[in-house]
Amino acid sequence: MKPKAFWSHASRFRQSEEGTSSVEFVIIFPAIMLVILTYVAISIYIATLSDVQQVASDLARQSLKYVDMGESQDEVCAALDSEVLPELTPHFSFATHTRITGVDCVLNADRTNVSVSVTYDLNGHYIQRFGKTVGLDVGTFTRSGYMRL
């Protein structure tokens, strides 16, 4: 190919717009999908946080029954974990009983305040895997509910 013919061919190739939309689609589509999946994952994570907070608040309310019966702090916590929690969690869309790894109760000395903390484990969940991919640690979190008696 002669030098003049090469530059003529290169100039025509550079100015050609055939296939431009395909290249733009191939480059932009994955970025758009990543943004959409990020929004979905964040929304589900926030909804899960909200459900776990509601579980903790409901457990704090339900603890009043056991505190009024005169049970100790450990008995209240055990009753909430074994009796109330399995009945409560099916009513929530994002919080499941199997992922709740701990229910901690604190009942002050004069039995006027109760605090219930719920620890939720996202390890192995797709939100945790997605968060790990983008550099976030969303393995476990704790939410608390407080009730003044």
N, C-alpha and C. Protein backbone atom coordinates (compact mmCIF):
# COMPACT_ATOMS: atom_id res chain seq x y z
N MET A 1 0.85 -1.16 0.00
CA MET A 1 0.00 0.00 0.00
C MET A 1 0.90 1.23 0.00
N LYS A 2 0.61 2.15 -0.85
CA LYS A 2 1.40 3.36 -0.97
C LYS A 2 1.09 4.27 0.21
N PRO A 3 2.06 5.11 0.63
CA PRO A 3 1.82 5.99 1.77
C PRO A 3 0.61 6.90 1.59
N LYS A 4 0.41 7.42 0.39
CA LYS A 4 -0.73 8.32 0.17
C LYS A 4 -2.04 7.53 0.28
N ALA A 5 -2.07 6.32 -0.27
CA ALA A 5 -3.26 5.49 -0.20
C ALA A 5 -3.56 5.08 1.25
N PHE A 6 -2.50 4.80 2.03
CA PHE A 6 -2.69 4.42 3.43
C PHE A 6 -3.35 5.56 4.21
N TRP A 7 -2.85 6.78 4.03
CA TRP A 7 -3.41 7.91 4.77
C TRP A 7 -4.83 8.22 4.31
N SER A 8 -5.10 7.99 3.05
CA SER A 8 -6.45 8.21 2.53
C SER A 8 -7.42 7.20 3.16
N HIS A 9 -6.98 5.94 3.21
CA HIS A 9 -7.80 4.88 3.81
C HIS A 9 -7.99 5.12 5.32
N ALA A 10 -6.93 5.51 6.01
CA ALA A 10 -7.01 5.79 7.45
C ALA A 10 -7.93 6.96 7.72
N SER A 11 -7.90 7.96 6.88
CA SER A 11 -8.76 9.13 7.06
C SER A 11 -10.23 8.74 6.90
N ARG A 12 -10.53 7.91 5.89
CA ARG A 12 -11.91 7.47 5.69
C ARG A 12 -12.39 6.61 6.86
N PHE A 13 -11.50 5.74 7.38
CA PHE A 13 -11.84 4.88 8.52
C PHE A 13 -12.14 5.72 9.76
N ARG A 14 -11.36 6.74 10.00
CA ARG A 14 -11.54 7.60 11.16
C ARG A 14 -12.84 8.38 11.08
N GLN A 15 -13.26 8.77 9.90
CA GLN A 15 -14.47 9.57 9.75
C GLN A 15 -15.74 8.72 9.65
N SER A 16 -15.59 7.43 9.44
CA SER A 16 -16.74 6.55 9.30
C SER A 16 -17.46 6.44 10.65
N GLU A 17 -18.79 6.51 10.62
CA GLU A 17 -19.58 6.42 11.84
C GLU A 17 -20.34 5.09 11.94
N GLU A 18 -20.06 4.17 11.07
CA GLU A 18 -20.72 2.87 11.11
C GLU A 18 -20.25 2.11 12.35
N GLY A 19 -21.16 1.54 13.11
CA GLY A 19 -20.82 0.77 14.29
C GLY A 19 -20.60 1.60 15.54
N THR A 20 -20.74 2.91 15.44
CA THR A 20 -20.51 3.77 16.60
C THR A 20 -21.51 3.48 17.71
N SER A 21 -22.79 3.31 17.33
CA SER A 21 -23.78 3.05 18.37
C SER A 21 -23.54 1.72 19.05
N SER A 22 -23.08 0.74 18.34
CA SER A 22 -22.78 -0.56 18.96
C SER A 22 -21.67 -0.43 19.97
N VAL A 23 -20.64 0.30 19.62
CA VAL A 23 -19.52 0.49 20.55
C VAL A 23 -19.98 1.27 21.77
N GLU A 24 -20.77 2.31 21.57
CA GLU A 24 -21.27 3.09 22.71
C GLU A 24 -22.15 2.22 23.61
N PHE A 25 -23.00 1.39 23.00
CA PHE A 25 -23.86 0.51 23.78
C PHE A 25 -23.04 -0.49 24.59
N VAL A 26 -22.05 -1.08 23.99
CA VAL A 26 -21.22 -2.08 24.67
C VAL A 26 -20.44 -1.45 25.82
N ILE A 27 -20.07 -0.21 25.69
CA ILE A 27 -19.31 0.46 26.74
C ILE A 27 -20.23 0.99 27.83
N ILE A 28 -21.34 1.58 27.46
CA ILE A 28 -22.21 2.27 28.42
C ILE A 28 -23.17 1.31 29.13
N PHE A 29 -23.67 0.29 28.45
CA PHE A 29 -24.66 -0.61 29.05
C PHE A 29 -24.19 -1.25 30.34
N PRO A 30 -22.99 -1.82 30.42
CA PRO A 30 -22.56 -2.39 31.71
C PRO A 30 -22.48 -1.35 32.82
N ALA A 31 -22.09 -0.13 32.50
CA ALA A 31 -22.04 0.91 33.52
C ALA A 31 -23.44 1.25 34.02
N ILE A 32 -24.40 1.31 33.11
CA ILE A 32 -25.79 1.59 33.51
C ILE A 32 -26.33 0.44 34.37
N MET A 33 -26.05 -0.79 33.98
CA MET A 33 -26.49 -1.94 34.77
C MET A 33 -25.86 -1.95 36.16
N LEU A 34 -24.59 -1.58 36.24
CA LEU A 34 -23.92 -1.52 37.54
C LEU A 34 -24.58 -0.47 38.45
N VAL A 35 -24.93 0.66 37.89
CA VAL A 35 -25.60 1.71 38.67
C VAL A 35 -26.97 1.22 39.14
N ILE A 36 -27.72 0.58 38.27
CA ILE A 36 -29.05 0.09 38.64
C ILE A 36 -28.94 -1.00 39.72
N LEU A 37 -28.01 -1.94 39.55
CA LEU A 37 -27.83 -2.99 40.56
C LEU A 37 -27.36 -2.42 41.90
N THR A 38 -26.55 -1.38 41.84
CA THR A 38 -26.12 -0.72 43.08
C THR A 38 -27.31 -0.11 43.80
N TYR A 39 -28.19 0.57 43.06
CA TYR A 39 -29.38 1.15 43.68
C TYR A 39 -30.28 0.06 44.28
N VAL A 40 -30.44 -1.05 43.58
CA VAL A 40 -31.26 -2.14 44.10
C VAL A 40 -30.65 -2.72 45.37
N ALA A 41 -29.35 -2.96 45.36
CA ALA A 41 -28.68 -3.53 46.54
C ALA A 41 -28.76 -2.58 47.73
N ILE A 42 -28.56 -1.30 47.50
CA ILE A 42 -28.64 -0.32 48.59
C ILE A 42 -30.06 -0.26 49.13
N SER A 43 -31.04 -0.30 48.25
CA SER A 43 -32.44 -0.27 48.70
C SER A 43 -32.79 -1.48 49.55
N ILE A 44 -32.34 -2.66 49.13
CA ILE A 44 -32.62 -3.87 49.91
C ILE A 44 -31.88 -3.83 51.24
N TYR A 45 -30.66 -3.30 51.24
CA TYR A 45 -29.90 -3.18 52.48
C TYR A 45 -30.61 -2.24 53.45
N ILE A 46 -31.08 -1.11 52.98
CA ILE A 46 -31.79 -0.16 53.83
C ILE A 46 -33.10 -0.77 54.33
N ALA A 47 -33.80 -1.50 53.48
CA ALA A 47 -35.04 -2.15 53.90
C ALA A 47 -34.76 -3.22 54.97
N THR A 48 -33.66 -3.94 54.82
CA THR A 48 -33.28 -4.94 55.83
C THR A 48 -32.93 -4.26 57.15
N LEU A 49 -32.17 -3.17 57.09
CA LEU A 49 -31.88 -2.41 58.31
C LEU A 49 -33.16 -1.96 59.00
N SER A 50 -34.10 -1.47 58.22
CA SER A 50 -35.36 -1.00 58.77
C SER A 50 -36.15 -2.14 59.42
N ASP A 51 -36.20 -3.29 58.76
CA ASP A 51 -36.92 -4.44 59.32
C ASP A 51 -36.28 -4.91 60.62
N VAL A 52 -34.96 -4.97 60.67
CA VAL A 52 -34.28 -5.41 61.89
C VAL A 52 -34.51 -4.40 63.01
N GLN A 53 -34.53 -3.11 62.68
CA GLN A 53 -34.83 -2.09 63.69
C GLN A 53 -36.26 -2.29 64.22
N GLN A 54 -37.17 -2.60 63.34
CA GLN A 54 -38.55 -2.82 63.76
C GLN A 54 -38.67 -4.08 64.61
N VAL A 55 -37.92 -5.12 64.27
CA VAL A 55 -37.91 -6.34 65.09
C VAL A 55 -37.41 -6.01 66.50
N ALA A 56 -36.33 -5.24 66.59
CA ALA A 56 -35.79 -4.87 67.91
C ALA A 56 -36.81 -4.05 68.70
N SER A 57 -37.48 -3.12 68.06
CA SER A 57 -38.50 -2.31 68.74
C SER A 57 -39.67 -3.16 69.20
N ASP A 58 -40.12 -4.07 68.34
CA ASP A 58 -41.24 -4.95 68.71
C ASP A 58 -40.85 -5.89 69.85
N LEU A 59 -39.61 -6.38 69.83
CA LEU A 59 -39.16 -7.23 70.94
C LEU A 59 -39.10 -6.45 72.24
N ALA A 60 -38.69 -5.19 72.18
CA ALA A 60 -38.67 -4.36 73.39
C ALA A 60 -40.09 -4.19 73.93
N ARG A 61 -41.07 -3.98 73.04
CA ARG A 61 -42.45 -3.86 73.47
C ARG A 61 -42.96 -5.17 74.06
N GLN A 62 -42.63 -6.28 73.41
CA GLN A 62 -43.10 -7.58 73.88
C GLN A 62 -42.44 -7.98 75.20
N SER A 63 -41.29 -7.41 75.49
CA SER A 63 -40.59 -7.77 76.73
C SER A 63 -41.36 -7.30 77.96
N LEU A 64 -42.24 -6.32 77.81
CA LEU A 64 -43.03 -5.81 78.94
C LEU A 64 -43.83 -6.93 79.61
N LYS A 65 -44.34 -7.83 78.82
CA LYS A 65 -45.12 -8.96 79.35
C LYS A 65 -44.27 -9.78 80.32
N TYR A 66 -43.03 -10.06 79.93
CA TYR A 66 -42.16 -10.90 80.75
C TYR A 66 -41.59 -10.14 81.95
N VAL A 67 -41.36 -8.84 81.77
CA VAL A 67 -40.87 -8.02 82.89
C VAL A 67 -41.95 -7.91 83.95
N ASP A 68 -43.21 -7.73 83.52
CA ASP A 68 -44.32 -7.64 84.47
C ASP A 68 -44.55 -8.94 85.23
N MET A 69 -44.15 -10.07 84.64
CA MET A 69 -44.29 -11.36 85.32
C MET A 69 -43.17 -11.57 86.34
N GLY A 70 -42.21 -10.63 86.41
CA GLY A 70 -41.15 -10.70 87.41
C GLY A 70 -39.96 -11.55 86.99
N GLU A 71 -39.82 -11.84 85.71
CA GLU A 71 -38.70 -12.67 85.27
C GLU A 71 -37.40 -11.87 85.27
N SER A 72 -36.29 -12.60 85.40
CA SER A 72 -34.97 -11.95 85.41
C SER A 72 -34.59 -11.54 83.99
N GLN A 73 -33.51 -10.78 83.89
CA GLN A 73 -33.03 -10.30 82.60
C GLN A 73 -32.74 -11.45 81.64
N ASP A 74 -32.08 -12.50 82.15
CA ASP A 74 -31.75 -13.64 81.30
C ASP A 74 -33.01 -14.40 80.87
N GLU A 75 -33.97 -14.52 81.77
CA GLU A 75 -35.22 -15.21 81.43
C GLU A 75 -36.01 -14.42 80.39
N VAL A 76 -36.03 -13.10 80.53
CA VAL A 76 -36.72 -12.25 79.56
C VAL A 76 -36.09 -12.43 78.18
N CYS A 77 -34.77 -12.38 78.14
CA CYS A 77 -34.06 -12.50 76.88
C CYS A 77 -34.28 -13.88 76.24
N ALA A 78 -34.23 -14.92 77.04
CA ALA A 78 -34.44 -16.27 76.53
C ALA A 78 -35.87 -16.43 75.99
N ALA A 79 -36.84 -15.86 76.69
CA ALA A 79 -38.23 -15.95 76.25
C ALA A 79 -38.44 -15.19 74.94
N LEU A 80 -37.83 -14.02 74.84
CA LEU A 80 -37.95 -13.25 73.60
C LEU A 80 -37.34 -14.01 72.43
N ASP A 81 -36.18 -14.62 72.67
CA ASP A 81 -35.48 -15.34 71.60
C ASP A 81 -36.21 -16.61 71.19
N SER A 82 -36.76 -17.34 72.15
CA SER A 82 -37.36 -18.64 71.81
C SER A 82 -38.86 -18.57 71.51
N GLU A 83 -39.58 -17.66 72.16
CA GLU A 83 -41.04 -17.62 72.00
C GLU A 83 -41.51 -16.52 71.04
N VAL A 84 -41.01 -15.32 71.24
CA VAL A 84 -41.55 -14.18 70.50
C VAL A 84 -40.92 -14.04 69.12
N LEU A 85 -39.61 -14.17 69.03
CA LEU A 85 -38.90 -13.95 67.77
C LEU A 85 -39.38 -14.85 66.62
N PRO A 86 -39.56 -16.17 66.84
CA PRO A 86 -40.05 -17.00 65.73
C PRO A 86 -41.45 -16.63 65.24
N GLU A 87 -42.27 -16.07 66.13
CA GLU A 87 -43.62 -15.65 65.75
C GLU A 87 -43.61 -14.28 65.09
N LEU A 88 -42.61 -13.46 65.39
CA LEU A 88 -42.56 -12.08 64.93
C LEU A 88 -41.95 -11.93 63.53
N THR A 89 -40.85 -12.62 63.27
CA THR A 89 -40.10 -12.40 62.03
C THR A 89 -40.83 -12.80 60.74
N PRO A 90 -41.74 -13.74 60.71
CA PRO A 90 -42.42 -14.02 59.44
C PRO A 90 -43.23 -12.85 58.90
N HIS A 91 -43.50 -11.86 59.72
CA HIS A 91 -44.27 -10.70 59.29
C HIS A 91 -43.43 -9.64 58.59
N PHE A 92 -42.14 -9.88 58.47
CA PHE A 92 -41.24 -8.92 57.85
C PHE A 92 -40.71 -9.48 56.53
N SER A 93 -40.59 -8.63 55.55
CA SER A 93 -40.18 -9.07 54.21
C SER A 93 -38.69 -9.36 54.11
N PHE A 94 -37.87 -8.59 54.80
CA PHE A 94 -36.43 -8.67 54.60
C PHE A 94 -35.67 -9.27 55.78
N ALA A 95 -36.24 -9.28 56.96
CA ALA A 95 -35.57 -9.85 58.14
C ALA A 95 -36.08 -11.26 58.36
N THR A 96 -35.15 -12.21 58.38
CA THR A 96 -35.53 -13.61 58.60
C THR A 96 -34.95 -14.10 59.93
N HIS A 97 -35.66 -15.01 60.55
CA HIS A 97 -35.26 -15.53 61.86
C HIS A 97 -33.92 -16.24 61.81
N THR A 98 -33.63 -16.90 60.71
CA THR A 98 -32.39 -17.68 60.61
C THR A 98 -31.14 -16.80 60.56
N ARG A 99 -31.26 -15.56 60.16
CA ARG A 99 -30.10 -14.67 60.08
C ARG A 99 -29.90 -13.84 61.35
N ILE A 100 -30.82 -13.91 62.28
CA ILE A 100 -30.64 -13.20 63.56
C ILE A 100 -29.74 -14.06 64.43
N THR A 101 -28.55 -13.52 64.72
CA THR A 101 -27.55 -14.31 65.45
C THR A 101 -27.52 -14.01 66.93
N GLY A 102 -28.17 -12.96 67.35
CA GLY A 102 -28.15 -12.66 68.77
C GLY A 102 -29.25 -11.70 69.18
N VAL A 103 -29.83 -11.99 70.34
CA VAL A 103 -30.79 -11.08 70.97
C VAL A 103 -30.26 -10.82 72.37
N ASP A 104 -29.89 -9.58 72.64
CA ASP A 104 -29.36 -9.20 73.95
C ASP A 104 -30.34 -8.26 74.63
N CYS A 105 -30.57 -8.51 75.92
CA CYS A 105 -31.51 -7.71 76.69
C CYS A 105 -30.78 -7.06 77.87
N VAL A 106 -31.14 -5.84 78.14
CA VAL A 106 -30.62 -5.15 79.32
C VAL A 106 -31.81 -4.57 80.07
N LEU A 107 -31.95 -5.02 81.31
CA LEU A 107 -33.02 -4.55 82.18
C LEU A 107 -32.35 -3.87 83.36
N ASN A 108 -32.62 -2.58 83.55
CA ASN A 108 -31.90 -1.87 84.62
C ASN A 108 -32.33 -2.37 85.99
N ALA A 109 -31.59 -1.97 87.03
CA ALA A 109 -31.76 -2.51 88.39
C ALA A 109 -33.15 -2.26 88.95
N ASP A 110 -33.72 -1.09 88.69
CA ASP A 110 -35.05 -0.81 89.25
C ASP A 110 -36.19 -1.23 88.30
N ARG A 111 -35.84 -1.94 87.24
CA ARG A 111 -36.80 -2.52 86.29
C ARG A 111 -37.71 -1.47 85.66
N THR A 112 -37.15 -0.30 85.34
CA THR A 112 -37.95 0.74 84.69
C THR A 112 -37.60 0.94 83.22
N ASN A 113 -36.48 0.38 82.79
CA ASN A 113 -36.05 0.51 81.39
C ASN A 113 -35.62 -0.85 80.87
N VAL A 114 -35.98 -1.13 79.64
CA VAL A 114 -35.51 -2.35 78.99
C VAL A 114 -34.98 -1.98 77.61
N SER A 115 -33.86 -2.57 77.26
CA SER A 115 -33.25 -2.36 75.94
C SER A 115 -33.01 -3.73 75.32
N VAL A 116 -33.43 -3.88 74.08
CA VAL A 116 -33.25 -5.14 73.37
C VAL A 116 -32.44 -4.86 72.11
N SER A 117 -31.33 -5.58 71.95
CA SER A 117 -30.48 -5.44 70.76
C SER A 117 -30.57 -6.71 69.93
N VAL A 118 -30.69 -6.53 68.64
CA VAL A 118 -30.78 -7.65 67.71
C VAL A 118 -29.59 -7.56 66.75
N THR A 119 -28.83 -8.65 66.66
CA THR A 119 -27.69 -8.71 65.74
C THR A 119 -28.09 -9.55 64.53
N TYR A 120 -27.88 -8.98 63.36
CA TYR A 120 -28.30 -9.61 62.11
C TYR A 120 -27.07 -9.93 61.26
N ASP A 121 -27.03 -11.11 60.70
CA ASP A 121 -25.87 -11.58 59.94
C ASP A 121 -26.20 -11.65 58.45
N LEU A 122 -25.48 -10.88 57.65
CA LEU A 122 -25.67 -10.91 56.20
C LEU A 122 -24.59 -11.73 55.49
N ASN A 123 -23.73 -12.41 56.21
CA ASN A 123 -22.66 -13.19 55.58
C ASN A 123 -23.26 -14.26 54.67
N GLY A 124 -22.77 -14.30 53.45
CA GLY A 124 -23.28 -15.24 52.45
C GLY A 124 -24.46 -14.72 51.68
N HIS A 125 -25.08 -13.65 52.12
CA HIS A 125 -26.22 -13.04 51.43
C HIS A 125 -25.69 -12.26 50.23
N TYR A 126 -26.49 -12.14 49.18
CA TYR A 126 -26.00 -11.46 47.98
C TYR A 126 -25.70 -9.99 48.24
N ILE A 127 -26.35 -9.38 49.22
CA ILE A 127 -26.03 -7.98 49.55
C ILE A 127 -24.61 -7.90 50.10
N GLN A 128 -24.24 -8.86 50.95
CA GLN A 128 -22.89 -8.85 51.51
C GLN A 128 -21.86 -9.10 50.41
N ARG A 129 -22.15 -10.02 49.51
CA ARG A 129 -21.21 -10.30 48.42
C ARG A 129 -21.08 -9.10 47.49
N PHE A 130 -22.18 -8.44 47.19
CA PHE A 130 -22.13 -7.25 46.34
C PHE A 130 -21.38 -6.13 47.04
N GLY A 131 -21.66 -5.94 48.34
CA GLY A 131 -20.95 -4.91 49.09
C GLY A 131 -19.46 -5.17 49.14
N LYS A 132 -19.08 -6.43 49.29
CA LYS A 132 -17.66 -6.79 49.31
C LYS A 132 -17.01 -6.47 47.96
N THR A 133 -17.76 -6.68 46.88
CA THR A 133 -17.24 -6.39 45.55
C THR A 133 -16.93 -4.91 45.38
N VAL A 134 -17.77 -4.05 45.94
CA VAL A 134 -17.55 -2.61 45.81
C VAL A 134 -16.79 -2.02 46.99
N GLY A 135 -16.31 -2.89 47.90
CA GLY A 135 -15.45 -2.43 48.98
C GLY A 135 -16.15 -2.04 50.27
N LEU A 136 -17.37 -2.51 50.49
CA LEU A 136 -18.10 -2.20 51.72
C LEU A 136 -18.18 -3.43 52.60
N ASP A 137 -18.10 -3.23 53.91
CA ASP A 137 -18.24 -4.33 54.86
C ASP A 137 -19.66 -4.28 55.43
N VAL A 138 -20.50 -5.14 54.93
CA VAL A 138 -21.89 -5.20 55.39
C VAL A 138 -22.22 -6.59 55.92
N GLY A 139 -21.28 -7.19 56.66
CA GLY A 139 -21.46 -8.55 57.15
C GLY A 139 -22.49 -8.67 58.25
N THR A 140 -22.33 -7.94 59.33
CA THR A 140 -23.28 -8.00 60.45
C THR A 140 -23.57 -6.58 60.93
N PHE A 141 -24.73 -6.41 61.50
CA PHE A 141 -25.07 -5.14 62.11
C PHE A 141 -26.02 -5.39 63.27
N THR A 142 -26.09 -4.42 64.17
CA THR A 142 -26.92 -4.53 65.36
C THR A 142 -27.86 -3.33 65.44
N ARG A 143 -29.10 -3.60 65.78
CA ARG A 143 -30.09 -2.55 65.98
C ARG A 143 -30.72 -2.76 67.35
N SER A 144 -31.12 -1.67 67.98
CA SER A 144 -31.65 -1.74 69.35
C SER A 144 -33.02 -1.09 69.45
N GLY A 145 -33.79 -1.63 70.37
CA GLY A 145 -35.07 -1.05 70.74
C GLY A 145 -35.06 -0.75 72.23
N TYR A 146 -35.68 0.33 72.62
CA TYR A 146 -35.65 0.78 74.01
C TYR A 146 -37.07 1.06 74.46
N MET A 147 -37.36 0.64 75.68
CA MET A 147 -38.70 0.88 76.22
C MET A 147 -38.59 1.31 77.67
N ARG A 148 -39.27 2.37 77.97
CA ARG A 148 -39.33 2.85 79.36
C ARG A 148 -40.62 2.33 79.97
N LEU A 149 -40.50 1.66 81.11
CA LEU A 149 -41.67 1.02 81.73
C LEU A 149 -42.38 1.96 82.67
